[in-house]
Amino acid sequence: METPNSSHWSELPMDILTSVFELLSFVDLHRAKIVCLNWYSCSKQTLFRKKRHPWLILFPKNDVCSLYNPDEARVYKTKRDFSGIRFLANSGKWFLVLDSVSNLYIIDLFSEKRIDLPPLESIKRDHYSLERVGDNEFKEVVVFGFERPSIAIMNAKDLRGLLWVDDKKEEYVAAWYFNESYKIPIDYIGVCKNGEDHYRRIPTRLSYPAISDMVLQGGGGDSLYVSTSSQCMQKLDLSGQEGFKNDDTLMPFHPRDHVYERTVSYNIAVTTSSGEVLFVQRIFNETTRHRIFRLYKKDPNPDPDAIINHPNPLVEVYSLGNEALLLDLGITVPADHTLGIEPNSIYFTRHDRACKRVRKPSCLDICVFNLATKNLKRFPALFKLRLTDARWFLPS
């Protein structure tokens, strides 16, 4: 019998390929479709019968990251070598990463696709420059009129990022900022879109220097929401070529109760269906390790007498309806039992991803919280893995 070669495999009939592809797991299907053009074309016509639950990318202490499919309770090892690479953000299967010499690029987890981004020092703004002084350090120079220039050394380990990708249109928006500590003002974010050869330096003009969360959203990734540890939120419109527009500023929460200062923290999120901004309050009991989530939004019908003292009143949101919130991404997605996405639920990993905490960082807590039942679902199969981090993402 003649031994088949790769050209024979690529010529298999479409119906046979389809029958085989429908039996494959999601990862194996992605691997199969990059074999040749014929297999890729067939994969696009294959009805993938299994559920597509949100996945996790796992980061063990040995720096060899892997993928976890909760629907199969199965861990997949990645073929790509991610040693020396730090994952900053993700959008679908695309991840924004920083390599060991501080180069930024975007990668597709399931293929060899890679998009190189402009160097960090290409950021442009009047009276401002960022100069590379080593593989992982940059000198920031700001000139204020005739005053002496302000100079600060920024380290790549303090870089945080955001990513938005439209796979069909092949468009992306990448954003980043240095977050040193509470003592150093963080007053700008670098933003770059596909086709641009540099980053725009966008001042945030927030009242407190520590960024606590950011969400990149909108029809073209043009809306950037930024919140701080002082519980202010700002919306920036990035649709212009070089400029930006400050759309709104909110004071989402009352001042913190000192009793709960160490157990209460906040995120922001944007709903896919209506575009509403959600303020997510997380309460964690360190003794019982019990976690509670509460959602709030801006009151659409505020009391005219009440807004004198509280100009931006909030109302609690008790249900996400037929949506699920992926807190790592800051967005809601349509829930679908056939895809394994649980409705009215919050997918969570950790709360201090955006900012560098001066106090002890939070522990990893991978879970799904149901808003109706207040129940937490965790994943025992992951307990034996010595993980330093993990992120929820949608594989397609």
Protein backbone atom coordinates (compact mmCIF):
# COMPACT_ATOMS: atom_id res chain seq x y z
CA MET A 1 0.00 0.00 0.00
CA GLU A 2 1.32 3.43 -0.93
CA THR A 3 2.19 5.67 1.99
CA PRO A 4 0.12 8.84 1.81
CA ASN A 5 1.96 12.14 1.66
CA SER A 6 0.87 15.66 2.54
CA SER A 7 -0.42 16.39 -0.96
CA HIS A 8 -2.74 13.36 -0.77
CA TRP A 9 -4.07 14.49 2.62
CA SER A 10 -4.88 17.91 1.18
CA GLU A 11 -6.95 16.29 -1.56
CA LEU A 12 -9.32 14.38 0.69
CA PRO A 13 -12.99 14.83 -0.29
CA MET A 14 -14.84 17.65 1.49
CA ASP A 15 -17.49 15.34 3.03
CA ILE A 16 -14.85 13.10 4.62
CA LEU A 17 -12.94 16.08 6.01
CA THR A 18 -16.14 17.59 7.37
CA SER A 19 -17.06 14.35 9.16
CA VAL A 20 -13.61 14.20 10.76
CA PHE A 21 -13.51 17.89 11.69
CA GLU A 22 -16.85 17.69 13.50
CA LEU A 23 -15.34 15.12 15.89
CA LEU A 24 -12.36 17.33 16.81
CA SER A 25 -12.00 19.48 19.90
CA PHE A 26 -11.80 23.22 19.39
CA VAL A 27 -8.00 23.35 19.66
CA ASP A 28 -7.51 20.37 17.35
CA LEU A 29 -9.82 21.96 14.79
CA HIS A 30 -7.71 25.12 14.87
CA ARG A 31 -4.57 23.05 14.37
CA ALA A 32 -6.12 21.13 11.48
CA LYS A 33 -7.24 24.18 9.54
CA ILE A 34 -3.69 25.53 9.17
CA VAL A 35 -2.45 22.32 7.45
CA CYS A 36 -3.35 23.54 3.97
CA LEU A 37 -5.72 25.80 2.08
CA ASN A 38 -8.24 23.01 1.42
CA TRP A 39 -8.45 22.08 5.10
CA TYR A 40 -8.84 25.74 6.05
CA SER A 41 -11.71 26.15 3.60
CA CYS A 42 -13.40 23.00 4.92
CA SER A 43 -13.03 24.13 8.55
CA LYS A 44 -15.03 27.27 7.76
CA GLN A 45 -17.95 25.09 6.65
CA THR A 46 -17.75 22.68 9.57
CA LEU A 47 -20.50 22.83 12.18
CA PHE A 48 -18.66 22.63 15.46
CA ARG A 49 -21.07 20.66 17.61
CA LYS A 50 -19.41 20.93 20.98
CA LYS A 51 -20.05 23.79 23.36
CA ARG A 52 -17.65 26.70 23.26
CA HIS A 53 -17.37 27.76 26.85
CA PRO A 54 -15.13 30.77 27.66
CA TRP A 55 -11.61 29.42 28.04
CA LEU A 56 -8.76 30.20 30.41
CA ILE A 57 -5.15 30.87 29.59
CA LEU A 58 -3.08 29.64 32.54
CA PHE A 59 0.30 30.86 33.74
CA PRO A 60 2.03 28.32 36.02
CA LYS A 61 5.15 29.16 38.02
CA ASN A 62 7.35 27.46 35.42
CA ASP A 63 6.34 30.16 32.84
CA VAL A 64 5.03 27.54 30.39
CA CYS A 65 1.51 28.78 29.74
CA SER A 66 -1.32 26.45 28.76
CA LEU A 67 -5.01 26.61 27.82
CA TYR A 68 -7.91 25.22 29.83
CA ASN A 69 -11.33 24.32 28.41
CA PRO A 70 -13.80 24.18 31.35
CA ASP A 71 -16.37 22.37 29.21
CA GLU A 72 -13.98 19.45 28.70
CA ALA A 73 -12.05 19.97 31.99
CA ARG A 74 -8.98 19.58 29.81
CA VAL A 75 -5.63 21.39 29.74
CA TYR A 76 -3.95 22.00 26.37
CA LYS A 77 -0.24 22.72 26.09
CA THR A 78 0.66 25.53 23.70
CA LYS A 79 3.07 24.85 20.86
CA ARG A 80 4.41 28.39 20.78
CA ASP A 81 7.32 29.25 23.08
CA PHE A 82 6.16 32.01 25.43
CA SER A 83 9.29 32.16 27.59
CA GLY A 84 10.25 35.72 28.46
CA ILE A 85 6.86 37.03 27.28
CA ARG A 86 4.36 38.88 29.46
CA PHE A 87 0.66 38.89 28.56
CA LEU A 88 -0.89 42.34 29.01
CA ALA A 89 -4.39 42.08 27.53
CA ASN A 90 -6.60 40.07 25.21
CA SER A 91 -9.49 40.39 22.78
CA GLY A 92 -10.96 37.08 21.67
CA LYS A 93 -8.09 34.77 20.73
CA TRP A 94 -5.73 37.74 20.19
CA PHE A 95 -3.33 38.73 22.97
CA LEU A 96 -1.24 41.84 23.51
CA VAL A 97 2.21 40.74 24.73
CA LEU A 98 5.50 42.31 25.77
CA ASP A 99 8.74 40.44 25.10
CA SER A 100 11.99 40.40 27.09
CA VAL A 101 13.39 43.47 25.29
CA SER A 102 10.17 45.52 25.66
CA ASN A 103 8.76 45.02 22.18
CA LEU A 104 4.97 45.02 21.93
CA TYR A 105 3.07 42.82 19.50
CA ILE A 106 -0.24 41.00 19.06
CA ILE A 107 -0.45 37.21 18.62
CA ASP A 108 -3.18 34.71 17.74
CA LEU A 109 -3.06 31.89 20.32
CA PHE A 110 -4.20 29.25 17.81
CA SER A 111 -1.98 30.08 14.84
CA GLU A 112 1.37 31.59 13.97
CA LYS A 113 -0.16 35.00 13.22
CA ARG A 114 1.67 37.95 14.74
CA ILE A 115 1.27 41.72 14.37
CA ASP A 116 4.25 43.84 15.37
CA LEU A 117 3.37 47.16 17.02
CA PRO A 118 5.35 50.42 16.98
CA PRO A 119 8.11 50.77 19.60
CA LEU A 120 7.05 52.35 22.88
CA GLU A 121 9.37 55.31 22.32
CA SER A 122 7.42 56.28 19.18
CA ILE A 123 4.74 57.89 21.39
CA LYS A 124 4.10 61.47 20.27
CA ARG A 125 2.90 64.57 22.10
CA ASP A 126 4.04 68.19 22.30
CA HIS A 127 6.68 68.86 24.97
CA TYR A 128 6.99 65.14 25.73
CA SER A 129 9.39 62.35 24.80
CA LEU A 130 10.05 58.75 25.83
CA GLU A 131 13.59 57.49 25.28
CA ARG A 132 14.79 53.90 25.52
CA VAL A 133 17.74 53.55 27.90
CA GLY A 134 17.93 49.74 27.99
CA ASP A 135 15.97 46.59 27.25
CA ASN A 136 13.50 47.30 30.04
CA GLU A 137 13.87 50.96 30.99
CA PHE A 138 12.70 54.21 29.43
CA LYS A 139 13.40 57.87 30.25
CA GLU A 140 10.33 60.10 30.24
CA VAL A 141 11.01 63.79 29.62
CA VAL A 142 8.28 66.42 30.02
CA VAL A 143 8.94 70.12 29.34
CA PHE A 144 6.74 72.77 31.00
CA GLY A 145 7.40 76.09 29.22
CA PHE A 146 10.68 77.59 30.46
CA GLU A 147 10.77 75.42 33.56
CA ARG A 148 13.32 72.72 34.14
CA PRO A 149 12.29 69.45 32.36
CA SER A 150 10.68 66.75 34.46
CA ILE A 151 12.53 63.44 34.05
CA ALA A 152 11.42 60.02 35.27
CA ILE A 153 12.68 56.48 34.64
CA MET A 154 9.90 54.04 33.66
CA ASN A 155 10.34 50.27 33.88
CA ALA A 156 8.68 47.82 31.47
CA LYS A 157 7.56 45.62 34.38
CA ASP A 158 5.08 48.39 35.25
CA LEU A 159 3.48 48.44 31.80
CA ARG A 160 -0.26 47.68 31.65
CA GLY A 161 -2.31 47.31 28.48
CA LEU A 162 -5.62 46.93 26.67
CA LEU A 163 -6.55 45.39 23.32
CA TRP A 164 -9.54 45.44 20.97
CA VAL A 165 -9.54 43.38 17.75
CA ASP A 166 -12.10 42.97 14.96
CA ASP A 167 -11.03 39.73 13.29
CA LYS A 168 -13.28 40.10 10.26
CA LYS A 169 -12.24 43.67 9.43
CA GLU A 170 -8.63 43.07 10.52
CA GLU A 171 -8.73 46.16 12.72
CA TYR A 172 -7.23 46.64 16.17
CA VAL A 173 -6.67 49.23 18.90
CA ALA A 174 -3.86 48.77 21.44
CA ALA A 175 -3.49 50.92 24.56
CA TRP A 176 -0.88 50.97 27.32
CA TYR A 177 0.41 53.02 30.26
CA PHE A 178 3.09 52.82 32.92
CA ASN A 179 1.72 52.35 36.42
CA GLU A 180 4.50 52.83 38.92
CA SER A 181 2.69 53.36 42.23
CA TYR A 182 0.22 55.57 44.01
CA LYS A 183 2.91 58.24 44.52
CA ILE A 184 3.76 58.87 40.84
CA PRO A 185 1.07 60.64 38.75
CA ILE A 186 -0.26 58.56 35.90
CA ASP A 187 -1.75 61.14 33.58
CA TYR A 188 -1.55 59.62 30.09
CA ILE A 189 -2.24 56.52 28.01
CA GLY A 190 -0.54 55.51 24.74
CA VAL A 191 -2.95 54.44 21.97
CA CYS A 192 -2.27 52.96 18.51
CA LYS A 193 -4.62 51.71 15.76
CA ASN A 194 -3.91 49.50 12.76
CA GLY A 195 -2.10 51.45 10.06
CA GLU A 196 -0.44 53.85 12.52
CA ASP A 197 3.33 53.92 13.03
CA HIS A 198 3.33 55.58 16.46
CA TYR A 199 1.29 55.91 19.66
CA ARG A 200 -0.82 58.91 20.54
CA ARG A 201 -0.20 60.25 24.04
CA ILE A 202 -3.62 60.87 25.55
CA PRO A 203 -3.81 62.66 28.92
CA THR A 204 -6.43 61.25 31.27
CA ARG A 205 -6.84 64.36 33.47
CA LEU A 206 -8.22 62.29 36.31
CA SER A 207 -8.20 63.60 39.86
CA TYR A 208 -6.20 60.74 41.36
CA PRO A 209 -3.08 59.16 39.89
CA ALA A 210 -3.72 55.42 40.35
CA ILE A 211 -5.60 53.79 37.48
CA SER A 212 -7.65 50.91 38.87
CA ASP A 213 -9.30 49.63 35.69
CA MET A 214 -9.64 50.32 31.97
CA VAL A 215 -12.06 49.07 29.31
CA LEU A 216 -11.69 49.50 25.56
CA GLN A 217 -15.01 49.27 23.75
CA GLY A 218 -17.22 50.72 21.04
CA GLY A 219 -18.02 49.87 17.44
CA GLY A 220 -14.40 50.34 16.43
CA GLY A 221 -12.69 50.20 19.81
CA ASP A 222 -13.03 53.99 19.92
CA SER A 223 -14.34 54.35 23.49
CA LEU A 224 -11.82 54.13 26.31
CA TYR A 225 -13.19 54.01 29.86
CA VAL A 226 -10.74 54.69 32.71
CA SER A 227 -11.41 54.47 36.44
CA THR A 228 -9.18 55.33 39.37
CA SER A 229 -8.75 54.22 42.96
CA SER A 230 -10.56 57.41 44.02
CA GLN A 231 -13.62 55.98 42.23
CA CYS A 232 -13.73 58.49 39.39
CA MET A 233 -14.43 57.35 35.85
CA GLN A 234 -13.67 59.05 32.55
CA LYS A 235 -14.76 58.20 29.02
CA LEU A 236 -12.43 59.15 26.16
CA ASP A 237 -13.47 59.20 22.51
CA LEU A 238 -10.54 57.94 20.38
CA SER A 239 -12.25 58.14 16.99
CA GLY A 240 -10.13 61.09 15.81
CA GLN A 241 -6.92 60.57 13.87
CA GLU A 242 -4.61 62.30 16.33
CA GLY A 243 -6.85 63.89 18.93
CA PHE A 244 -9.37 62.68 21.47
CA LYS A 245 -12.47 63.97 23.19
CA ASN A 246 -13.25 63.85 26.89
CA ASP A 247 -16.83 62.59 26.87
CA ASP A 248 -17.84 62.22 30.50
CA THR A 249 -16.62 62.07 34.08
CA LEU A 250 -18.47 60.21 36.83
CA MET A 251 -18.09 59.68 40.56
CA PRO A 252 -19.48 56.15 40.73
CA PHE A 253 -19.27 55.24 44.42
CA HIS A 254 -19.55 56.80 47.84
CA PRO A 255 -16.25 57.06 49.78
CA ARG A 256 -15.04 53.72 51.03
CA ASP A 257 -15.98 52.44 54.45
CA HIS A 258 -12.65 51.98 56.27
CA VAL A 259 -13.93 48.76 57.82
CA TYR A 260 -14.04 47.17 54.37
CA GLU A 261 -11.13 48.97 52.78
CA ARG A 262 -9.13 45.78 52.33
CA THR A 263 -11.99 43.62 51.17
CA VAL A 264 -13.87 45.89 48.75
CA SER A 265 -12.64 46.77 45.27
CA TYR A 266 -14.17 47.94 42.00
CA ASN A 267 -14.14 47.37 38.26
CA ILE A 268 -15.87 48.93 35.29
CA ALA A 269 -17.53 47.09 32.41
CA VAL A 270 -19.56 47.93 29.32
CA THR A 271 -22.61 45.97 28.17
CA THR A 272 -22.54 44.73 24.58
CA SER A 273 -26.28 45.06 24.04
CA SER A 274 -26.94 48.61 25.27
CA GLY A 275 -23.48 50.15 25.75
CA GLU A 276 -24.26 50.96 29.39
CA VAL A 277 -21.38 51.36 31.82
CA LEU A 278 -21.49 49.03 34.82
CA PHE A 279 -19.66 49.59 38.08
CA VAL A 280 -18.75 46.24 39.64
CA GLN A 281 -18.28 46.09 43.41
CA ARG A 282 -16.50 43.04 44.78
CA ILE A 283 -16.62 42.15 48.46
CA PHE A 284 -14.23 39.45 49.64
CA ASN A 285 -14.26 37.87 53.11
CA GLU A 286 -10.65 36.89 53.79
CA THR A 287 -11.67 34.53 56.62
CA THR A 288 -14.31 32.49 54.80
CA ARG A 289 -12.95 33.24 51.27
CA HIS A 290 -16.53 34.01 50.26
CA ARG A 291 -16.91 36.50 47.41
CA ILE A 292 -19.90 38.67 46.52
CA PHE A 293 -20.40 40.82 43.42
CA ARG A 294 -22.77 43.80 43.11
CA LEU A 295 -23.47 45.73 39.92
CA TYR A 296 -24.45 49.38 39.60
CA LYS A 297 -25.19 51.77 36.74
CA LYS A 298 -25.94 55.47 36.42
CA ASP A 299 -29.50 56.21 37.47
CA PRO A 300 -31.48 56.94 34.27
CA ASN A 301 -34.18 58.83 36.26
CA PRO A 302 -32.44 60.57 39.16
CA ASP A 303 -34.30 62.50 41.83
CA PRO A 304 -33.78 66.23 41.04
CA ASP A 305 -33.44 67.03 44.74
CA ALA A 306 -30.92 64.24 45.38
CA ILE A 307 -28.49 65.13 42.58
CA ILE A 308 -27.52 68.35 44.39
CA ASN A 309 -25.42 66.34 46.84
CA HIS A 310 -24.84 63.35 44.56
CA PRO A 311 -24.60 64.58 40.95
CA ASN A 312 -24.15 61.09 39.51
CA PRO A 313 -26.44 58.76 41.49
CA LEU A 314 -26.32 55.02 40.90
CA VAL A 315 -28.92 52.28 40.95
CA GLU A 316 -28.17 48.62 41.60
CA VAL A 317 -28.43 46.17 38.71
CA TYR A 318 -29.81 42.87 39.94
CA SER A 319 -29.65 40.89 36.71
CA LEU A 320 -27.65 40.74 33.49
CA GLY A 321 -30.53 38.93 31.83
CA ASN A 322 -29.32 36.75 29.01
CA GLU A 323 -25.77 38.09 29.15
CA ALA A 324 -22.59 37.10 30.97
CA LEU A 325 -19.87 39.45 32.18
CA LEU A 326 -16.23 38.55 31.45
CA LEU A 327 -14.56 40.77 34.01
CA ASP A 328 -11.04 40.28 32.62
CA LEU A 329 -12.26 41.84 29.36
CA GLY A 330 -14.64 44.36 30.92
CA ILE A 331 -17.48 43.44 28.58
CA THR A 332 -20.67 41.41 28.56
CA VAL A 333 -21.36 38.75 25.94
CA PRO A 334 -24.62 37.07 24.90
CA ALA A 335 -25.19 33.96 27.00
CA ASP A 336 -25.94 30.78 25.10
CA HIS A 337 -26.38 27.33 26.65
CA THR A 338 -25.35 25.74 23.34
CA LEU A 339 -22.04 27.62 23.58
CA GLY A 340 -21.58 26.91 27.29
CA ILE A 341 -21.80 30.56 28.36
CA GLU A 342 -23.82 30.79 31.58
CA PRO A 343 -26.42 33.62 31.63
CA ASN A 344 -26.57 36.24 34.39
CA SER A 345 -23.06 35.29 35.51
CA ILE A 346 -19.71 36.96 36.13
CA TYR A 347 -16.48 35.25 35.01
CA PHE A 348 -13.65 36.35 37.30
CA THR A 349 -9.96 35.67 37.99
CA ARG A 350 -8.47 38.55 40.03
CA HIS A 351 -9.17 42.22 40.77
CA ASP A 352 -5.78 43.96 40.68
CA ARG A 353 -4.88 43.30 37.05
CA ALA A 354 -4.87 46.92 35.87
CA CYS A 355 -2.98 48.51 38.72
CA LYS A 356 0.08 47.71 40.78
CA ARG A 357 -0.92 47.50 44.43
CA VAL A 358 1.25 48.97 47.13
CA ARG A 359 -0.29 46.56 49.61
CA LYS A 360 -0.25 42.78 49.26
CA PRO A 361 -1.58 41.74 45.83
CA SER A 362 -4.77 39.74 45.58
CA CYS A 363 -4.81 35.98 45.30
CA LEU A 364 -5.89 34.27 42.12
CA ASP A 365 -9.53 33.20 42.43
CA ILE A 366 -10.88 31.62 39.24
CA CYS A 367 -14.63 31.41 39.47
CA VAL A 368 -18.05 32.01 37.91
CA PHE A 369 -20.54 33.93 40.07
CA ASN A 370 -24.28 33.62 39.45
CA LEU A 371 -26.06 36.90 40.22
CA ALA A 372 -29.44 35.25 40.84
CA THR A 373 -28.37 32.45 43.20
CA LYS A 374 -25.24 34.21 44.61
CA ASN A 375 -23.42 30.90 44.14
CA LEU A 376 -19.77 30.61 43.16
CA LYS A 377 -18.49 27.88 40.87
CA ARG A 378 -14.78 27.15 41.06
CA PHE A 379 -12.69 24.62 39.14
CA PRO A 380 -11.10 21.92 41.35
CA ALA A 381 -8.99 20.60 38.47
CA LEU A 382 -6.97 23.84 38.57
CA PHE A 383 -6.22 23.72 42.31
CA LYS A 384 -3.32 21.29 41.87
CA LEU A 385 -1.68 23.56 39.29
CA ARG A 386 0.70 26.10 40.79
CA LEU A 387 -0.68 29.11 38.93
CA THR A 388 0.59 32.67 39.15
CA ASP A 389 -2.12 34.08 36.90
CA ALA A 390 -4.98 33.21 34.56
CA ARG A 391 -7.30 35.06 32.14
CA TRP A 392 -10.71 34.33 30.72
CA PHE A 393 -10.99 34.67 26.94
CA LEU A 394 -13.29 33.66 24.10
CA PRO A 395 -11.58 31.22 21.71
CA SER A 396 -13.52 32.57 18.72
